[in-house]
Amino acid sequence: MLTVQRYFLKKIDRLKSRKAIDIMFTKGKSFSNFPFRVLWIDVENEHGLKAGFSASTKNFKKATDRNKIKRLMREAYRLQKSDLDVQLSLTKKAINIFFIYTGKDVPTYDFIFEKMGFVLKRIIKLTDEKFQ
């Protein structure tokens, strides 16, 4: 019988704390990989991997557009985060990640999925270098 891997993005996996987000913006590390700006920070005594998502009100006046972009980013992240999660569990480290969409127009799912894969691979490299 085949076992099917299920992918989740539970409430505990989401970065919701305003305090944690503020700390990330002040002390965290960041990089840009179009169409994302990614902030991340190492944390202690917390769940292994937490993520937050944002789209700019400046670029997207309609809330429906911002919500669609965040929904696409969450879905692409949910399906591709397993490699990063495995690496963090092996090294017994925890990080918080915040994704900001910096593009000017509403993207397609395929575009977001591809770019999220590149960003997650870069985060894996950065965390691997940091913890070695």
N, C-alpha and C. Protein backbone atom coordinates (compact mmCIF):
# COMPACT_ATOMS: atom_id res chain seq x y z
N MET A 1 0.84 -1.18 0.00
CA MET A 1 0.00 0.00 0.00
C MET A 1 0.88 1.25 0.00
N LEU A 2 0.57 2.19 -0.84
CA LEU A 2 1.33 3.42 -0.93
C LEU A 2 0.91 4.39 0.17
N THR A 3 1.89 5.05 0.73
CA THR A 3 1.56 6.09 1.69
C THR A 3 1.67 7.43 0.98
N VAL A 4 0.69 8.26 1.18
CA VAL A 4 0.65 9.56 0.54
C VAL A 4 1.08 10.60 1.56
N GLN A 5 2.05 11.43 1.17
CA GLN A 5 2.49 12.48 2.06
C GLN A 5 1.47 13.61 2.01
N ARG A 6 1.04 14.04 3.19
CA ARG A 6 0.09 15.14 3.28
C ARG A 6 0.83 16.40 3.70
N TYR A 7 0.42 17.50 3.14
CA TYR A 7 1.05 18.77 3.40
C TYR A 7 0.10 19.65 4.19
N PHE A 8 0.61 20.27 5.25
CA PHE A 8 -0.22 21.10 6.11
C PHE A 8 0.42 22.46 6.32
N LEU A 9 -0.38 23.43 6.59
CA LEU A 9 0.06 24.73 7.06
C LEU A 9 -0.89 25.09 8.20
N LYS A 10 -0.56 24.59 9.37
CA LYS A 10 -1.43 24.74 10.53
C LYS A 10 -1.24 26.10 11.18
N LYS A 11 -2.10 26.38 12.14
CA LYS A 11 -2.04 27.66 12.84
C LYS A 11 -0.70 27.84 13.55
N ILE A 12 -0.15 26.77 14.09
CA ILE A 12 1.12 26.83 14.81
C ILE A 12 2.28 27.15 13.86
N ASP A 13 2.09 26.88 12.55
CA ASP A 13 3.13 27.13 11.56
C ASP A 13 3.11 28.56 11.02
N ARG A 14 2.13 29.35 11.42
CA ARG A 14 2.00 30.71 10.90
C ARG A 14 2.59 31.72 11.86
N LEU A 15 3.20 32.71 11.30
CA LEU A 15 3.81 33.78 12.08
C LEU A 15 2.78 34.89 12.24
N LYS A 16 2.24 35.02 13.44
CA LYS A 16 1.17 35.99 13.67
C LYS A 16 1.53 37.03 14.71
N SER A 17 2.52 36.77 15.52
CA SER A 17 2.87 37.66 16.62
C SER A 17 3.47 38.97 16.10
N ARG A 18 2.84 40.08 16.43
CA ARG A 18 3.34 41.38 16.01
C ARG A 18 4.74 41.62 16.57
N LYS A 19 4.98 41.18 17.80
CA LYS A 19 6.28 41.34 18.43
C LYS A 19 7.37 40.58 17.66
N ALA A 20 7.08 39.34 17.28
CA ALA A 20 8.04 38.53 16.53
C ALA A 20 8.31 39.14 15.15
N ILE A 21 7.28 39.69 14.53
CA ILE A 21 7.44 40.31 13.22
C ILE A 21 8.28 41.58 13.33
N ASP A 22 8.04 42.38 14.36
CA ASP A 22 8.84 43.60 14.57
C ASP A 22 10.31 43.26 14.81
N ILE A 23 10.57 42.23 15.60
CA ILE A 23 11.95 41.80 15.85
C ILE A 23 12.60 41.36 14.54
N MET A 24 11.84 40.66 13.71
CA MET A 24 12.37 40.19 12.44
C MET A 24 12.75 41.37 11.54
N PHE A 25 11.93 42.42 11.51
CA PHE A 25 12.24 43.57 10.68
C PHE A 25 13.43 44.36 11.21
N THR A 26 13.66 44.34 12.52
CA THR A 26 14.78 45.11 13.06
C THR A 26 16.08 44.32 13.10
N LYS A 27 16.03 43.04 13.47
CA LYS A 27 17.24 42.25 13.67
C LYS A 27 17.45 41.14 12.66
N GLY A 28 16.45 40.87 11.84
CA GLY A 28 16.53 39.73 10.92
C GLY A 28 17.39 39.99 9.70
N LYS A 29 17.66 38.93 8.98
CA LYS A 29 18.41 38.99 7.74
C LYS A 29 17.40 39.00 6.59
N SER A 30 17.78 39.58 5.47
CA SER A 30 16.85 39.63 4.35
C SER A 30 17.58 39.48 3.03
N PHE A 31 16.83 39.10 2.02
CA PHE A 31 17.31 39.08 0.64
C PHE A 31 16.12 39.24 -0.28
N SER A 32 16.38 39.64 -1.49
CA SER A 32 15.32 39.80 -2.48
C SER A 32 15.56 38.83 -3.62
N ASN A 33 14.49 38.23 -4.06
CA ASN A 33 14.51 37.36 -5.23
C ASN A 33 13.17 37.60 -5.91
N PHE A 34 13.18 38.39 -6.98
CA PHE A 34 11.93 38.83 -7.58
C PHE A 34 10.97 37.67 -7.77
N PRO A 35 9.74 37.80 -7.36
CA PRO A 35 8.97 38.93 -6.87
C PRO A 35 8.84 38.97 -5.35
N PHE A 36 9.78 38.37 -4.64
CA PHE A 36 9.68 38.32 -3.18
C PHE A 36 10.81 39.09 -2.51
N ARG A 37 10.51 39.67 -1.38
CA ARG A 37 11.52 40.10 -0.42
C ARG A 37 11.33 39.19 0.78
N VAL A 38 12.38 38.55 1.21
CA VAL A 38 12.29 37.54 2.26
C VAL A 38 13.09 37.99 3.47
N LEU A 39 12.45 37.98 4.63
CA LEU A 39 13.12 38.26 5.90
C LEU A 39 13.11 36.97 6.70
N TRP A 40 14.22 36.69 7.38
CA TRP A 40 14.26 35.50 8.23
C TRP A 40 15.16 35.75 9.42
N ILE A 41 14.87 35.04 10.49
CA ILE A 41 15.64 35.18 11.73
C ILE A 41 15.65 33.84 12.46
N ASP A 42 16.78 33.55 13.08
CA ASP A 42 16.88 32.35 13.92
C ASP A 42 16.19 32.64 15.25
N VAL A 43 15.43 31.68 15.73
CA VAL A 43 14.74 31.85 17.01
C VAL A 43 15.07 30.67 17.91
N GLU A 44 14.91 30.89 19.18
CA GLU A 44 15.17 29.82 20.15
C GLU A 44 13.89 29.51 20.91
N ASN A 45 13.82 28.28 21.39
CA ASN A 45 12.70 27.83 22.23
C ASN A 45 11.35 27.99 21.55
N GLU A 46 11.30 27.73 20.25
CA GLU A 46 10.04 27.83 19.53
C GLU A 46 9.88 26.66 18.58
N HIS A 47 8.71 26.61 17.96
CA HIS A 47 8.38 25.64 16.93
C HIS A 47 9.38 25.80 15.78
N GLY A 48 9.70 24.73 15.06
CA GLY A 48 10.74 24.72 14.06
C GLY A 48 10.66 25.75 12.96
N LEU A 49 9.52 25.96 12.37
CA LEU A 49 9.43 26.81 11.19
C LEU A 49 8.10 27.55 11.21
N LYS A 50 8.16 28.88 11.20
CA LYS A 50 6.95 29.70 11.13
C LYS A 50 7.10 30.66 9.96
N ALA A 51 6.00 30.93 9.29
CA ALA A 51 6.04 31.79 8.11
C ALA A 51 4.90 32.79 8.12
N GLY A 52 5.18 33.97 7.58
CA GLY A 52 4.18 35.01 7.41
C GLY A 52 4.21 35.49 5.97
N PHE A 53 3.10 36.05 5.50
CA PHE A 53 2.96 36.44 4.10
C PHE A 53 2.33 37.82 4.01
N SER A 54 2.78 38.62 3.04
CA SER A 54 2.25 39.97 2.91
C SER A 54 2.29 40.41 1.45
N ALA A 55 1.36 41.29 1.11
CA ALA A 55 1.35 41.95 -0.19
C ALA A 55 1.09 43.43 0.07
N SER A 56 1.74 44.28 -0.68
CA SER A 56 1.72 45.71 -0.42
C SER A 56 0.40 46.38 -0.79
N THR A 57 -0.08 47.23 0.12
CA THR A 57 -1.27 48.03 -0.16
C THR A 57 -0.94 49.09 -1.20
N LYS A 58 0.30 49.51 -1.23
CA LYS A 58 0.73 50.53 -2.20
C LYS A 58 0.57 50.02 -3.64
N ASN A 59 0.94 48.76 -3.87
CA ASN A 59 0.88 48.20 -5.22
C ASN A 59 -0.48 47.61 -5.56
N PHE A 60 -1.23 47.17 -4.55
CA PHE A 60 -2.52 46.51 -4.77
C PHE A 60 -3.58 47.18 -3.91
N LYS A 61 -4.34 48.07 -4.51
CA LYS A 61 -5.34 48.84 -3.76
C LYS A 61 -6.51 47.98 -3.30
N LYS A 62 -6.87 46.99 -4.09
CA LYS A 62 -8.02 46.15 -3.76
C LYS A 62 -7.62 45.03 -2.80
N ALA A 63 -8.37 44.87 -1.74
CA ALA A 63 -8.10 43.82 -0.77
C ALA A 63 -8.22 42.44 -1.40
N THR A 64 -9.09 42.29 -2.37
CA THR A 64 -9.26 40.99 -3.01
C THR A 64 -7.98 40.57 -3.74
N ASP A 65 -7.29 41.53 -4.35
CA ASP A 65 -6.03 41.22 -5.02
C ASP A 65 -4.96 40.83 -4.00
N ARG A 66 -4.85 41.58 -2.92
CA ARG A 66 -3.87 41.26 -1.87
C ARG A 66 -4.14 39.88 -1.28
N ASN A 67 -5.39 39.60 -1.00
CA ASN A 67 -5.75 38.30 -0.43
C ASN A 67 -5.46 37.16 -1.39
N LYS A 68 -5.70 37.37 -2.67
CA LYS A 68 -5.42 36.33 -3.66
C LYS A 68 -3.92 36.03 -3.71
N ILE A 69 -3.11 37.08 -3.71
CA ILE A 69 -1.65 36.90 -3.76
C ILE A 69 -1.17 36.15 -2.52
N LYS A 70 -1.67 36.53 -1.35
CA LYS A 70 -1.26 35.84 -0.12
C LYS A 70 -1.72 34.39 -0.13
N ARG A 71 -2.89 34.13 -0.65
CA ARG A 71 -3.40 32.76 -0.74
C ARG A 71 -2.52 31.92 -1.67
N LEU A 72 -2.11 32.49 -2.80
CA LEU A 72 -1.22 31.78 -3.73
C LEU A 72 0.13 31.50 -3.09
N MET A 73 0.67 32.49 -2.36
CA MET A 73 1.97 32.31 -1.71
C MET A 73 1.89 31.23 -0.64
N ARG A 74 0.83 31.23 0.16
CA ARG A 74 0.67 30.22 1.21
C ARG A 74 0.59 28.82 0.63
N GLU A 75 -0.15 28.69 -0.46
CA GLU A 75 -0.30 27.37 -1.08
C GLU A 75 1.03 26.87 -1.66
N ALA A 76 1.75 27.73 -2.36
CA ALA A 76 3.05 27.33 -2.92
C ALA A 76 4.03 26.98 -1.81
N TYR A 77 4.01 27.75 -0.73
CA TYR A 77 4.88 27.48 0.42
C TYR A 77 4.52 26.16 1.08
N ARG A 78 3.24 25.92 1.27
CA ARG A 78 2.76 24.71 1.93
C ARG A 78 3.23 23.46 1.20
N LEU A 79 3.20 23.50 -0.12
CA LEU A 79 3.57 22.32 -0.90
C LEU A 79 5.07 22.11 -1.01
N GLN A 80 5.88 23.15 -0.76
CA GLN A 80 7.31 23.03 -0.98
C GLN A 80 8.16 23.16 0.27
N LYS A 81 7.58 23.36 1.42
CA LYS A 81 8.35 23.63 2.63
C LYS A 81 8.95 22.37 3.27
N SER A 82 8.62 21.19 2.80
CA SER A 82 9.03 19.97 3.46
C SER A 82 10.55 19.80 3.55
N ASP A 83 11.28 20.18 2.49
CA ASP A 83 12.75 20.06 2.51
C ASP A 83 13.36 20.94 3.59
N LEU A 84 12.86 22.16 3.71
CA LEU A 84 13.36 23.08 4.73
C LEU A 84 13.00 22.58 6.12
N ASP A 85 11.81 22.06 6.26
CA ASP A 85 11.36 21.52 7.55
C ASP A 85 12.22 20.35 7.99
N VAL A 86 12.58 19.47 7.06
CA VAL A 86 13.43 18.31 7.37
C VAL A 86 14.82 18.78 7.80
N GLN A 87 15.39 19.74 7.08
CA GLN A 87 16.71 20.23 7.44
C GLN A 87 16.72 20.86 8.83
N LEU A 88 15.70 21.64 9.15
CA LEU A 88 15.64 22.28 10.46
C LEU A 88 15.45 21.27 11.58
N SER A 89 14.69 20.21 11.31
CA SER A 89 14.51 19.20 12.35
C SER A 89 15.80 18.40 12.57
N LEU A 90 16.58 18.19 11.51
CA LEU A 90 17.86 17.49 11.66
C LEU A 90 18.87 18.32 12.44
N THR A 91 18.88 19.62 12.22
CA THR A 91 19.82 20.49 12.92
C THR A 91 19.27 21.00 14.25
N LYS A 92 18.01 20.67 14.53
CA LYS A 92 17.34 21.10 15.77
C LYS A 92 17.37 22.62 15.92
N LYS A 93 17.09 23.31 14.84
CA LYS A 93 17.04 24.77 14.82
C LYS A 93 15.63 25.23 14.48
N ALA A 94 15.36 26.49 14.74
CA ALA A 94 14.06 27.08 14.42
C ALA A 94 14.28 28.43 13.76
N ILE A 95 13.49 28.71 12.73
CA ILE A 95 13.55 30.02 12.09
C ILE A 95 12.14 30.54 11.83
N ASN A 96 12.05 31.85 11.75
CA ASN A 96 10.83 32.53 11.31
C ASN A 96 11.13 33.16 9.97
N ILE A 97 10.19 33.06 9.04
CA ILE A 97 10.35 33.59 7.70
C ILE A 97 9.16 34.49 7.40
N PHE A 98 9.42 35.60 6.71
CA PHE A 98 8.34 36.49 6.30
C PHE A 98 8.53 36.80 4.82
N PHE A 99 7.50 36.50 4.01
CA PHE A 99 7.54 36.71 2.57
C PHE A 99 6.73 37.96 2.22
N ILE A 100 7.34 38.88 1.50
CA ILE A 100 6.64 40.08 1.04
C ILE A 100 6.64 40.05 -0.48
N TYR A 101 5.45 40.12 -1.07
CA TYR A 101 5.34 40.13 -2.52
C TYR A 101 5.60 41.54 -3.01
N THR A 102 6.61 41.71 -3.89
CA THR A 102 7.00 43.04 -4.35
C THR A 102 6.66 43.30 -5.81
N GLY A 103 6.02 42.37 -6.47
CA GLY A 103 5.66 42.56 -7.87
C GLY A 103 4.59 43.63 -8.02
N LYS A 104 4.35 44.06 -9.25
CA LYS A 104 3.40 45.14 -9.51
C LYS A 104 2.04 44.66 -10.00
N ASP A 105 1.95 43.41 -10.47
CA ASP A 105 0.67 42.91 -10.97
C ASP A 105 0.36 41.56 -10.34
N VAL A 106 -0.91 41.17 -10.41
CA VAL A 106 -1.36 39.92 -9.81
C VAL A 106 -0.79 38.75 -10.62
N PRO A 107 -0.04 37.86 -9.95
CA PRO A 107 0.65 36.78 -10.67
C PRO A 107 -0.25 35.56 -10.87
N THR A 108 0.25 34.62 -11.69
CA THR A 108 -0.42 33.33 -11.83
C THR A 108 0.15 32.37 -10.79
N TYR A 109 -0.57 31.30 -10.53
CA TYR A 109 -0.11 30.33 -9.54
C TYR A 109 1.21 29.68 -9.97
N ASP A 110 1.34 29.34 -11.24
CA ASP A 110 2.55 28.67 -11.72
C ASP A 110 3.79 29.54 -11.48
N PHE A 111 3.67 30.83 -11.73
CA PHE A 111 4.77 31.76 -11.51
C PHE A 111 5.17 31.80 -10.03
N ILE A 112 4.18 31.92 -9.16
CA ILE A 112 4.44 31.97 -7.71
C ILE A 112 5.06 30.66 -7.24
N PHE A 113 4.55 29.53 -7.72
CA PHE A 113 5.06 28.22 -7.32
C PHE A 113 6.54 28.08 -7.69
N GLU A 114 6.88 28.47 -8.91
CA GLU A 114 8.27 28.37 -9.38
C GLU A 114 9.19 29.27 -8.55
N LYS A 115 8.80 30.51 -8.34
CA LYS A 115 9.64 31.46 -7.61
C LYS A 115 9.75 31.09 -6.13
N MET A 116 8.69 30.56 -5.55
CA MET A 116 8.74 30.12 -4.14
C MET A 116 9.72 28.97 -3.99
N GLY A 117 9.80 28.09 -4.98
CA GLY A 117 10.77 27.01 -4.95
C GLY A 117 12.20 27.53 -4.92
N PHE A 118 12.49 28.55 -5.76
CA PHE A 118 13.82 29.15 -5.76
C PHE A 118 14.15 29.78 -4.42
N VAL A 119 13.18 30.49 -3.86
CA VAL A 119 13.39 31.18 -2.58
C VAL A 119 13.65 30.17 -1.46
N LEU A 120 12.88 29.11 -1.41
CA LEU A 120 13.06 28.10 -0.36
C LEU A 120 14.41 27.39 -0.49
N LYS A 121 14.85 27.14 -1.70
CA LYS A 121 16.18 26.54 -1.89
C LYS A 121 17.27 27.49 -1.40
N ARG A 122 17.09 28.77 -1.64
CA ARG A 122 18.08 29.75 -1.16
C ARG A 122 18.09 29.82 0.36
N ILE A 123 16.92 29.74 0.97
CA ILE A 123 16.85 29.74 2.44
C ILE A 123 17.54 28.50 2.99
N ILE A 124 17.35 27.36 2.34
CA ILE A 124 18.02 26.12 2.78
C ILE A 124 19.53 26.31 2.74
N LYS A 125 20.04 26.90 1.65
CA LYS A 125 21.48 27.14 1.54
C LYS A 125 21.96 28.08 2.64
N LEU A 126 21.23 29.17 2.87
CA LEU A 126 21.64 30.15 3.88
C LEU A 126 21.62 29.56 5.28
N THR A 127 20.60 28.80 5.61
CA THR A 127 20.54 28.20 6.94
C THR A 127 21.57 27.09 7.09
N ASP A 128 21.85 26.38 6.02
CA ASP A 128 22.85 25.33 6.05
C ASP A 128 24.24 25.92 6.32
N GLU A 129 24.55 27.04 5.66
CA GLU A 129 25.83 27.71 5.89
C GLU A 129 25.92 28.24 7.30
N LYS A 130 24.84 28.77 7.80
CA LYS A 130 24.82 29.38 9.14
C LYS A 130 25.03 28.33 10.23
N PHE A 131 24.41 27.16 10.08
CA PHE A 131 24.45 26.16 11.14
C PHE A 131 25.65 25.22 11.04
N GLN A 132 26.42 25.30 9.99
CA GLN A 132 27.57 24.41 9.84
C GLN A 132 28.80 24.98 10.50
